[in-house]
Amino acid sequence: MEIKILGTDCAKCKTTQMIVEKVVAENGVDAQISKVEDIMDIMKYNVIATPAVVVNEVVKIKGRVPSESEVKQALGL
């Protein structure tokens, strides 16, 4: 599974990344997590408000910091 966190280096983006990493670790998910900070790359996903979470090239969450349960749902857990 490929997970991308879209967003600049803001506090909400960092929090989102920590939540995603925690859910992945706690559930033993085999995933590659990467951060996309370049605005042009973020715009390719039609995301205007960050942070956003992309799972296997599908935008699952955008414009807010997700809860752990939302991340689990986005990952299909």
Protein backbone atom coordinates (compact mmCIF):
# COMPACT_ATOMS: atom_id res chain seq x y z
CA MET A 1 0.00 0.00 0.00
CA GLU A 2 1.24 3.47 -0.84
CA ILE A 3 0.20 6.37 1.39
CA LYS A 4 0.99 9.99 0.64
CA ILE A 5 0.52 12.91 2.99
CA LEU A 6 -0.07 16.05 0.94
CA GLY A 7 0.77 19.38 2.49
CA THR A 8 3.38 21.93 3.30
CA ASP A 9 5.31 21.62 6.52
CA CYS A 10 2.49 23.09 8.65
CA ALA A 11 1.40 21.86 12.08
CA LYS A 12 -1.78 20.22 10.74
CA CYS A 13 0.21 18.34 8.11
CA LYS A 14 2.69 17.11 10.71
CA THR A 15 -0.16 15.98 12.97
CA THR A 16 -1.80 14.13 10.08
CA GLN A 17 1.46 12.36 9.28
CA MET A 18 1.89 11.30 12.93
CA ILE A 19 -1.67 9.92 13.06
CA VAL A 20 -1.21 7.96 9.82
CA GLU A 21 2.14 6.55 10.98
CA LYS A 22 0.60 5.55 14.32
CA VAL A 23 -2.35 3.73 12.70
CA VAL A 24 -0.05 1.94 10.24
CA ALA A 25 2.31 0.83 13.03
CA GLU A 26 -0.42 -0.27 15.45
CA ASN A 27 -2.22 -2.32 12.80
CA GLY A 28 0.83 -3.87 11.14
CA VAL A 29 -0.06 -2.42 7.75
CA ASP A 30 2.54 -2.98 5.03
CA ALA A 31 2.71 0.55 3.65
CA GLN A 32 5.11 3.06 2.20
CA ILE A 33 4.42 6.52 3.64
CA SER A 34 5.73 9.59 1.86
CA LYS A 35 5.25 13.34 2.21
CA VAL A 36 4.38 15.51 -0.80
CA GLU A 37 5.18 19.17 -0.12
CA ASP A 38 5.52 20.62 -3.61
CA ILE A 39 2.44 22.74 -4.42
CA MET A 40 2.45 21.73 -8.09
CA ASP A 41 2.47 18.03 -7.15
CA ILE A 42 -0.32 18.58 -4.61
CA MET A 43 -2.44 20.35 -7.24
CA LYS A 44 -2.24 17.26 -9.48
CA TYR A 45 -4.55 15.58 -6.97
CA ASN A 46 -7.11 18.44 -7.21
CA VAL A 47 -6.53 19.23 -3.55
CA ILE A 48 -6.93 22.87 -2.61
CA ALA A 49 -6.95 22.57 1.19
CA THR A 50 -4.30 20.57 2.99
CA PRO A 51 -3.54 18.29 4.71
CA ALA A 52 -4.73 15.42 2.54
CA VAL A 53 -4.21 11.67 2.67
CA VAL A 54 -3.83 9.71 -0.58
CA VAL A 55 -4.02 5.91 -0.52
CA ASN A 56 -2.87 4.08 -3.66
CA GLU A 57 -3.29 7.30 -5.69
CA VAL A 58 -6.88 7.92 -4.47
CA VAL A 59 -7.55 10.99 -2.31
CA LYS A 60 -9.30 9.66 0.80
CA ILE A 61 -9.15 12.62 3.22
CA LYS A 62 -8.60 16.30 2.45
CA GLY A 63 -8.74 19.68 4.09
CA ARG A 64 -8.50 18.60 7.74
CA VAL A 65 -6.65 16.54 10.29
CA PRO A 66 -8.29 13.09 10.36
CA SER A 67 -9.07 11.04 13.45
CA GLU A 68 -7.48 7.63 13.90
CA SER A 69 -10.78 5.95 13.03
CA GLU A 70 -11.02 7.96 9.79
CA VAL A 71 -7.51 6.85 8.83
CA LYS A 72 -8.39 3.22 9.57
CA GLN A 73 -11.47 3.53 7.37
CA ALA A 74 -9.42 5.15 4.57
CA LEU A 75 -6.96 2.25 4.76
CA GLY A 76 -9.74 -0.32 4.71
CA LEU A 77 -9.13 -1.59 8.25
